[in-house]
Structures are given as C-alpha cells and as structure tokens.
Amino acid sequence: MVTPSGTINPARVFIIGVGVAGLQAIATAKRLGARVDAFDTRPVVEEQVKSLGASFVKIDLGEMGQTDQGYAKELTPEQIKKQQEAQAKVCERSNIVITTAKVFGRKAPRLISKDVIDRMAPGSIIVDMECSTGGNVEGSKLFEEVVTDNGVIIMSGDFLERQVPYDASKMLSGNFTAFLTHFYDKEAKEFKVDLDDEIMRGCLLTKGGSIIHERFKED
C-alpha cells in the first residue's frame, strides 16, 4: 500500500500443506493483500498454488507422490528433516505461518520445531490446524493460545468444522448418502461389500477378523 507518508509492505504468509484448508488459506490471505508462499509434498499442486496468486516453495524431497484419494503420502524421517530445514528459512521471514499437514490414520508430522520458532520475529503468528492429531508445531496446545518467550503466538486452529455445524453436517450426511446408495443392491435389498470397488477398498479396515487395509496392516 502506497500512502503520502510512505509505503506499507504486505504481510508475508506461509501456508504448509495445500489441501482444501491450505487452498482456502491461500485464497483468503491473497484477498487480504498478503504476499503468500505455499508448500506441499505433492509437486502436482504447484499449478493450483500459482493459480491463486501465491508462490510455490520447491523443496527436493526425493521420490514423492499422493494416495489414490489425492492426499499426500507419509514422509520418511529423513524427508521430514529435510523439509523442516528448508521450511525454516521461509518461516523466519514470514509474519504468519499456517500448517495444515495431516496424514489420515497417523500422528500429524512435526514440521516446525522450537529452534525455528525462536528465530521468528516477535509478533509473528503460527496457526497449527492439526493439534488434535499431535500437532505440526512444537509447543502448540489444543484450544489454547501459546505465546513463546520471544513473542511468537501459536494458535490452535483445530476442529474448525465444529464452528460450522450446519454446513459440516450437510456435507457429512451427503457423503453417507452417496456411499450407502453406491453399495446398496436394490434387488437383493442389502448392502454389498464389493472389494473390487476402489471406494470400498479405501474404506474397509477389517474383514473376517483381520486387518485388510494396506495402510494399517503394518501396525
């Protein structure tokens, strides 16, 4: 913003994780006039990030990809460490950092450690949206606002769906209806478990007393 008394630089916002929540965060920050950087372990989302006017932070983590449902695959400890080191430089120059990294069925990956927070400027804000599953940020507390010794504010942005119960319930019920309708056999008047269907394979965890879902077998 250019004013008669000088120029005001835009806030810098860094979004980690470019799923539904991340894309919404990018769009909102851009509408408010911020300069936005974003990162995701899935290189395929770079185009989506740029289409919203943000810059995509490129970090070479080696072989990466996404699940059949379009979610990011779980990183190895080595990849997480490499991601943390590269992200630290972006966090240091950011006024606001929003983390949205979730791995379904597993503990949320720790992406921002205390030593990174210690290097951020006083008054900076971190929003950890995955507190309920372990948190992406060291020191974040569910439903609490934490202020660090160097003045960085860590906010818990989890359970946001509880703040929009009508819309959340409407979408959830729609998903249930679509799922049940898809597998209901009208002629036999019964719900059929079809393991040849990729939707069913992605949802069914156990069958016949055994864990059959590939994602949970190793546990």
C-alpha atoms as a PDB file:
ATOM      1  CA  MET A   1       0.000   0.000   0.000  1.00  0.00           C
ATOM      2  CA  VAL A   2       1.412   3.369  -1.088  1.00  0.00           C
ATOM      3  CA  THR A   3       0.400   6.341   1.052  1.00  0.00           C
ATOM      4  CA  PRO A   4       1.504  10.014   1.133  1.00  0.00           C
ATOM      5  CA  SER A   5       3.613   9.245   4.201  1.00  0.00           C
ATOM      6  CA  GLY A   6       5.306   6.145   2.784  1.00  0.00           C
ATOM      7  CA  THR A   7       4.845   2.598   1.586  1.00  0.00           C
ATOM      8  CA  ILE A   8       3.440  -0.187   3.768  1.00  0.00           C
ATOM      9  CA  ASN A   9       4.733  -3.587   2.801  1.00  0.00           C
ATOM     10  CA  PRO A  10       2.262  -6.507   2.746  1.00  0.00           C
ATOM     11  CA  ALA A  11       2.327  -9.206   5.415  1.00  0.00           C
ATOM     12  CA  ARG A  12       4.088 -12.409   4.411  1.00  0.00           C
ATOM     13  CA  VAL A  13       2.061 -15.575   4.887  1.00  0.00           C
ATOM     14  CA  PHE A  14       3.429 -19.111   4.555  1.00  0.00           C
ATOM     15  CA  ILE A  15       0.976 -21.992   4.079  1.00  0.00           C
ATOM     16  CA  ILE A  16       2.259 -25.523   4.722  1.00  0.00           C
ATOM     17  CA  GLY A  17       0.001 -28.154   3.184  1.00  0.00           C
ATOM     18  CA  VAL A  18      -2.096 -27.351   0.130  1.00  0.00           C
ATOM     19  CA  GLY A  19      -5.210 -29.468   0.588  1.00  0.00           C
ATOM     20  CA  VAL A  20      -8.698 -27.987   0.903  1.00  0.00           C
ATOM     21  CA  ALA A  21      -7.788 -25.995   4.038  1.00  0.00           C
ATOM     22  CA  GLY A  22      -4.488 -24.825   2.577  1.00  0.00           C
ATOM     23  CA  LEU A  23      -6.045 -23.603  -0.656  1.00  0.00           C
ATOM     24  CA  GLN A  24      -8.708 -21.708   1.291  1.00  0.00           C
ATOM     25  CA  ALA A  25      -5.997 -20.145   3.461  1.00  0.00           C
ATOM     26  CA  ILE A  26      -4.082 -19.035   0.355  1.00  0.00           C
ATOM     27  CA  ALA A  27      -7.171 -17.510  -1.241  1.00  0.00           C
ATOM     28  CA  THR A  28      -8.143 -15.674   1.964  1.00  0.00           C
ATOM     29  CA  ALA A  29      -4.630 -14.323   2.569  1.00  0.00           C
ATOM     30  CA  LYS A  30      -4.400 -13.087  -1.013  1.00  0.00           C
ATOM     31  CA  ARG A  31      -7.780 -11.339  -0.753  1.00  0.00           C
ATOM     32  CA  LEU A  32      -6.483  -9.553   2.349  1.00  0.00           C
ATOM     33  CA  GLY A  33      -3.478  -8.328   0.375  1.00  0.00           C
ATOM     34  CA  ALA A  34      -0.750 -10.591   1.764  1.00  0.00           C
ATOM     35  CA  ARG A  35       2.242 -11.939  -0.072  1.00  0.00           C
ATOM     36  CA  VAL A  36       1.765 -15.709   0.090  1.00  0.00           C
ATOM     37  CA  ASP A  37       4.185 -18.618  -0.137  1.00  0.00           C
ATOM     38  CA  ALA A  38       2.958 -22.217  -0.006  1.00  0.00           C
ATOM     39  CA  PHE A  39       4.477 -25.677   0.150  1.00  0.00           C
ATOM     40  CA  ASP A  40       3.171 -29.203  -0.264  1.00  0.00           C
ATOM     41  CA  THR A  41       4.953 -32.521  -0.619  1.00  0.00           C
ATOM     42  CA  ARG A  42       2.916 -33.151  -3.786  1.00  0.00           C
ATOM     43  CA  PRO A  43       4.547 -31.290  -6.715  1.00  0.00           C
ATOM     44  CA  VAL A  44       1.310 -31.665  -8.709  1.00  0.00           C
ATOM     45  CA  VAL A  45      -0.373 -28.921  -6.650  1.00  0.00           C
ATOM     46  CA  GLU A  46       2.103 -26.239  -7.784  1.00  0.00           C
ATOM     47  CA  GLU A  47      -0.257 -25.167 -10.564  1.00  0.00           C
ATOM     48  CA  GLN A  48      -3.155 -24.781  -8.099  1.00  0.00           C
ATOM     49  CA  VAL A  49      -0.984 -22.646  -5.809  1.00  0.00           C
ATOM     50  CA  LYS A  50       0.097 -20.361  -8.650  1.00  0.00           C
ATOM     51  CA  SER A  51      -3.465 -20.065  -9.961  1.00  0.00           C
ATOM     52  CA  LEU A  52      -4.387 -18.417  -6.640  1.00  0.00           C
ATOM     53  CA  GLY A  53      -1.551 -15.915  -6.944  1.00  0.00           C
ATOM     54  CA  ALA A  54       0.826 -17.499  -4.428  1.00  0.00           C
ATOM     55  CA  SER A  55       4.422 -18.630  -4.858  1.00  0.00           C
ATOM     56  CA  PHE A  56       5.177 -22.344  -4.601  1.00  0.00           C
ATOM     57  CA  VAL A  57       8.174 -23.200  -2.408  1.00  0.00           C
ATOM     58  CA  LYS A  58      10.129 -26.003  -4.049  1.00  0.00           C
ATOM     59  CA  ILE A  59      11.899 -28.470  -1.762  1.00  0.00           C
ATOM     60  CA  ASP A  60      13.572 -31.527  -3.258  1.00  0.00           C
ATOM     61  CA  LEU A  61      12.470 -34.412  -1.031  1.00  0.00           C
ATOM     62  CA  GLY A  62      13.274 -37.167  -3.494  1.00  0.00           C
ATOM     63  CA  GLU A  63      10.567 -39.542  -4.653  1.00  0.00           C
ATOM     64  CA  MET A  64       7.163 -38.217  -3.650  1.00  0.00           C
ATOM     65  CA  GLY A  65       3.554 -38.695  -4.643  1.00  0.00           C
ATOM     66  CA  GLN A  66      -0.010 -38.873  -3.434  1.00  0.00           C
ATOM     67  CA  THR A  67      -2.554 -41.509  -2.487  1.00  0.00           C
ATOM     68  CA  ASP A  68      -5.353 -42.702  -4.758  1.00  0.00           C
ATOM     69  CA  GLN A  69      -7.611 -40.241  -2.924  1.00  0.00           C
ATOM     70  CA  GLY A  70      -5.292 -37.332  -3.740  1.00  0.00           C
ATOM     71  CA  TYR A  71      -3.772 -36.900  -0.268  1.00  0.00           C
ATOM     72  CA  ALA A  72      -0.061 -36.574   0.460  1.00  0.00           C
ATOM     73  CA  LYS A  73       1.803 -39.765   1.277  1.00  0.00           C
ATOM     74  CA  GLU A  74       3.559 -40.100   4.632  1.00  0.00           C
ATOM     75  CA  LEU A  75       7.163 -38.882   4.627  1.00  0.00           C
ATOM     76  CA  THR A  76      10.174 -40.806   5.875  1.00  0.00           C
ATOM     77  CA  PRO A  77      12.068 -39.356   8.900  1.00  0.00           C
ATOM     78  CA  GLU A  78      14.830 -38.243   6.527  1.00  0.00           C
ATOM     79  CA  GLN A  79      12.387 -36.434   4.258  1.00  0.00           C
ATOM     80  CA  ILE A  80      10.703 -34.718   7.212  1.00  0.00           C
ATOM     81  CA  LYS A  81      14.071 -33.448   8.458  1.00  0.00           C
ATOM     82  CA  LYS A  82      14.942 -32.104   5.024  1.00  0.00           C
ATOM     83  CA  GLN A  83      11.545 -30.416   4.768  1.00  0.00           C
ATOM     84  CA  GLN A  84      11.938 -28.835   8.217  1.00  0.00           C
ATOM     85  CA  GLU A  85      15.344 -27.385   7.351  1.00  0.00           C
ATOM     86  CA  ALA A  86      14.158 -25.863   4.070  1.00  0.00           C
ATOM     87  CA  GLN A  87      10.934 -24.509   5.576  1.00  0.00           C
ATOM     88  CA  ALA A  88      12.789 -22.853   8.451  1.00  0.00           C
ATOM     89  CA  LYS A  89      14.178 -20.175   6.136  1.00  0.00           C
ATOM     90  CA  VAL A  90      10.700 -19.307   4.866  1.00  0.00           C
ATOM     91  CA  CYS A  91       9.237 -19.312   8.393  1.00  0.00           C
ATOM     92  CA  GLU A  92      11.872 -16.848   9.611  1.00  0.00           C
ATOM     93  CA  ARG A  93      10.788 -14.175   7.119  1.00  0.00           C
ATOM     94  CA  SER A  94       7.043 -14.839   7.462  1.00  0.00           C
ATOM     95  CA  ASN A  95       4.604 -12.871   9.626  1.00  0.00           C
ATOM     96  CA  ILE A  96       2.018 -15.658   9.613  1.00  0.00           C
ATOM     97  CA  VAL A  97       2.543 -19.410   9.194  1.00  0.00           C
ATOM     98  CA  ILE A  98      -0.412 -21.778   8.798  1.00  0.00           C
ATOM     99  CA  THR A  99       0.175 -25.527   8.988  1.00  0.00           C
ATOM    100  CA  THR A 100      -2.415 -27.969   7.623  1.00  0.00           C
ATOM    101  CA  ALA A 101      -0.389 -31.175   7.202  1.00  0.00           C
ATOM    102  CA  LYS A 102      -2.396 -34.274   8.105  1.00  0.00           C
ATOM    103  CA  VAL A 103      -1.771 -37.971   7.444  1.00  0.00           C
ATOM    104  CA  PHE A 104      -5.015 -39.884   7.903  1.00  0.00           C
ATOM    105  CA  GLY A 105      -4.776 -42.659  10.476  1.00  0.00           C
ATOM    106  CA  ARG A 106      -1.386 -41.459  11.727  1.00  0.00           C
ATOM    107  CA  LYS A 107       0.074 -38.827  14.009  1.00  0.00           C
ATOM    108  CA  ALA A 108       0.452 -35.436  12.365  1.00  0.00           C
ATOM    109  CA  PRO A 109       4.025 -34.762  11.174  1.00  0.00           C
ATOM    110  CA  ARG A 110       6.058 -32.307  13.260  1.00  0.00           C
ATOM    111  CA  LEU A 111       7.038 -29.578  10.799  1.00  0.00           C
ATOM    112  CA  ILE A 112       8.050 -26.594  12.927  1.00  0.00           C
ATOM    113  CA  SER A 113      10.364 -27.113  15.891  1.00  0.00           C
ATOM    114  CA  LYS A 114      11.184 -24.780  18.779  1.00  0.00           C
ATOM    115  CA  ASP A 115      14.517 -23.700  17.284  1.00  0.00           C
ATOM    116  CA  VAL A 116      12.695 -22.415  14.176  1.00  0.00           C
ATOM    117  CA  ILE A 117      10.136 -20.569  16.300  1.00  0.00           C
ATOM    118  CA  ASP A 118      12.985 -18.995  18.292  1.00  0.00           C
ATOM    119  CA  ARG A 119      14.283 -17.434  15.066  1.00  0.00           C
ATOM    120  CA  MET A 120      10.952 -15.892  14.081  1.00  0.00           C
ATOM    121  CA  ALA A 121      10.208 -12.221  14.727  1.00  0.00           C
ATOM    122  CA  PRO A 122       8.229 -11.155  17.815  1.00  0.00           C
ATOM    123  CA  GLY A 123       4.536 -10.786  16.989  1.00  0.00           C
ATOM    124  CA  SER A 124       4.626 -13.485  14.323  1.00  0.00           C
ATOM    125  CA  ILE A 125       1.684 -15.870  14.349  1.00  0.00           C
ATOM    126  CA  ILE A 126       1.616 -19.625  13.771  1.00  0.00           C
ATOM    127  CA  VAL A 127      -1.725 -21.393  13.282  1.00  0.00           C
ATOM    128  CA  ASP A 128      -1.470 -25.153  13.883  1.00  0.00           C
ATOM    129  CA  MET A 129      -4.564 -26.755  12.366  1.00  0.00           C
ATOM    130  CA  GLU A 130      -3.627 -30.312  13.341  1.00  0.00           C
ATOM    131  CA  CYS A 131      -3.367 -30.120  17.146  1.00  0.00           C
ATOM    132  CA  SER A 132      -5.842 -32.950  17.733  1.00  0.00           C
ATOM    133  CA  THR A 133      -3.638 -35.461  15.910  1.00  0.00           C
ATOM    134  CA  GLY A 134      -0.327 -34.498  17.508  1.00  0.00           C
ATOM    135  CA  GLY A 135       0.252 -31.067  16.004  1.00  0.00           C
ATOM    136  CA  ASN A 136       2.547 -29.784  13.256  1.00  0.00           C
ATOM    137  CA  VAL A 137       4.130 -27.255  15.617  1.00  0.00           C
ATOM    138  CA  GLU A 138       6.215 -27.921  18.715  1.00  0.00           C
ATOM    139  CA  GLY A 139       4.601 -26.299  21.753  1.00  0.00           C
ATOM    140  CA  SER A 140       1.105 -25.904  20.314  1.00  0.00           C
ATOM    141  CA  LYS A 141      -1.780 -26.759  22.653  1.00  0.00           C
ATOM    142  CA  LEU A 142      -5.293 -27.759  21.657  1.00  0.00           C
ATOM    143  CA  PHE A 143      -7.834 -24.951  22.225  1.00  0.00           C
ATOM    144  CA  GLU A 144      -5.124 -22.727  23.746  1.00  0.00           C
ATOM    145  CA  GLU A 145      -3.156 -19.734  22.540  1.00  0.00           C
ATOM    146  CA  VAL A 146       0.535 -20.011  23.412  1.00  0.00           C
ATOM    147  CA  VAL A 147       2.928 -17.064  23.486  1.00  0.00           C
ATOM    148  CA  THR A 148       6.591 -18.075  23.346  1.00  0.00           C
ATOM    149  CA  ASP A 149       9.432 -16.363  25.209  1.00  0.00           C
ATOM    150  CA  ASN A 150      10.396 -14.459  22.062  1.00  0.00           C
ATOM    151  CA  GLY A 151       6.834 -13.236  21.457  1.00  0.00           C
ATOM    152  CA  VAL A 152       5.631 -15.640  18.761  1.00  0.00           C
ATOM    153  CA  ILE A 153       1.927 -16.505  19.075  1.00  0.00           C
ATOM    154  CA  ILE A 154       0.949 -20.142  18.443  1.00  0.00           C
ATOM    155  CA  MET A 155      -2.764 -20.584  17.841  1.00  0.00           C
ATOM    156  CA  SER A 156      -4.752 -23.806  17.770  1.00  0.00           C
ATOM    157  CA  GLY A 157      -6.866 -23.792  14.633  1.00  0.00           C
ATOM    158  CA  ASP A 158      -8.148 -27.324  15.017  1.00  0.00           C
ATOM    159  CA  PHE A 159     -11.729 -28.636  14.965  1.00  0.00           C
ATOM    160  CA  LEU A 160     -12.796 -25.777  12.694  1.00  0.00           C
ATOM    161  CA  GLU A 161     -15.669 -27.945  11.465  1.00  0.00           C
ATOM    162  CA  ARG A 162     -17.260 -27.514  14.893  1.00  0.00           C
ATOM    163  CA  GLN A 163     -17.654 -23.832  14.142  1.00  0.00           C
ATOM    164  CA  VAL A 164     -19.748 -24.538  11.046  1.00  0.00           C
ATOM    165  CA  PRO A 165     -22.012 -27.369  12.288  1.00  0.00           C
ATOM    166  CA  TYR A 166     -24.802 -26.841   9.765  1.00  0.00           C
ATOM    167  CA  ASP A 167     -22.559 -26.983   6.707  1.00  0.00           C
ATOM    168  CA  ALA A 168     -20.372 -29.744   8.167  1.00  0.00           C
ATOM    169  CA  SER A 169     -23.433 -31.893   8.934  1.00  0.00           C
ATOM    170  CA  LYS A 170     -24.880 -31.251   5.489  1.00  0.00           C
ATOM    171  CA  MET A 171     -21.677 -32.357   3.736  1.00  0.00           C
ATOM    172  CA  LEU A 172     -21.190 -35.377   6.011  1.00  0.00           C
ATOM    173  CA  SER A 173     -24.751 -36.595   5.513  1.00  0.00           C
ATOM    174  CA  GLY A 174     -24.348 -36.130   1.756  1.00  0.00           C
ATOM    175  CA  ASN A 175     -21.252 -38.325   1.804  1.00  0.00           C
ATOM    176  CA  PHE A 176     -23.016 -41.001   3.859  1.00  0.00           C
ATOM    177  CA  THR A 177     -25.976 -40.989   1.460  1.00  0.00           C
ATOM    178  CA  ALA A 178     -23.743 -41.283  -1.605  1.00  0.00           C
ATOM    179  CA  PHE A 179     -21.732 -44.109  -0.008  1.00  0.00           C
ATOM    180  CA  LEU A 180     -24.770 -46.142   1.056  1.00  0.00           C
ATOM    181  CA  THR A 181     -26.547 -45.613  -2.250  1.00  0.00           C
ATOM    182  CA  HIS A 182     -23.480 -46.703  -4.205  1.00  0.00           C
ATOM    183  CA  PHE A 183     -23.223 -50.074  -2.434  1.00  0.00           C
ATOM    184  CA  TYR A 184     -26.912 -50.814  -1.852  1.00  0.00           C
ATOM    185  CA  ASP A 185     -28.294 -53.615  -4.009  1.00  0.00           C
ATOM    186  CA  LYS A 186     -31.935 -52.723  -4.687  1.00  0.00           C
ATOM    187  CA  GLU A 187     -32.853 -56.184  -5.965  1.00  0.00           C
ATOM    188  CA  ALA A 188     -31.334 -58.075  -3.046  1.00  0.00           C
ATOM    189  CA  LYS A 189     -32.261 -55.246  -0.681  1.00  0.00           C
ATOM    190  CA  GLU A 190     -28.929 -55.405   1.087  1.00  0.00           C
ATOM    191  CA  PHE A 191     -25.650 -53.545   1.478  1.00  0.00           C
ATOM    192  CA  LYS A 192     -22.920 -55.292  -0.519  1.00  0.00           C
ATOM    193  CA  VAL A 193     -19.234 -55.299   0.384  1.00  0.00           C
ATOM    194  CA  ASP A 194     -17.516 -55.237  -3.002  1.00  0.00           C
ATOM    195  CA  LEU A 195     -13.740 -55.476  -2.595  1.00  0.00           C
ATOM    196  CA  ASP A 196     -13.273 -54.984  -6.335  1.00  0.00           C
ATOM    197  CA  ASP A 197     -14.536 -51.426  -5.899  1.00  0.00           C
ATOM    198  CA  GLU A 198     -11.715 -48.947  -5.119  1.00  0.00           C
ATOM    199  CA  ILE A 199     -14.011 -46.884  -2.891  1.00  0.00           C
ATOM    200  CA  MET A 200     -14.747 -49.901  -0.705  1.00  0.00           C
ATOM    201  CA  ARG A 201     -11.065 -50.918  -0.626  1.00  0.00           C
ATOM    202  CA  GLY A 202     -10.188 -47.448   0.600  1.00  0.00           C
ATOM    203  CA  CYS A 203     -12.786 -47.512   3.389  1.00  0.00           C
ATOM    204  CA  LEU A 204     -12.799 -51.086   4.699  1.00  0.00           C
ATOM    205  CA  LEU A 205     -10.309 -51.643   7.518  1.00  0.00           C
ATOM    206  CA  THR A 206     -11.130 -55.171   8.719  1.00  0.00           C
ATOM    207  CA  LYS A 207     -12.858 -58.256   7.325  1.00  0.00           C
ATOM    208  CA  GLY A 208     -13.255 -61.706   8.856  1.00  0.00           C
ATOM    209  CA  GLY A 209     -11.369 -60.654  11.994  1.00  0.00           C
ATOM    210  CA  SER A 210      -8.267 -59.491  10.086  1.00  0.00           C
ATOM    211  CA  ILE A 211      -6.919 -56.068   9.145  1.00  0.00           C
ATOM    212  CA  ILE A 212      -7.092 -55.924   5.349  1.00  0.00           C
ATOM    213  CA  HIS A 213      -6.443 -52.221   4.679  1.00  0.00           C
ATOM    214  CA  GLU A 214      -2.895 -51.819   3.325  1.00  0.00           C
ATOM    215  CA  ARG A 215      -2.332 -48.600   5.272  1.00  0.00           C
ATOM    216  CA  PHE A 216      -2.954 -50.227   8.650  1.00  0.00           C
ATOM    217  CA  LYS A 217      -1.581 -53.745   8.170  1.00  0.00           C
ATOM    218  CA  GLU A 218       1.925 -52.890   9.392  1.00  0.00           C
ATOM    219  CA  ASP A 219       0.563 -51.602  12.704  1.00  0.00           C
END
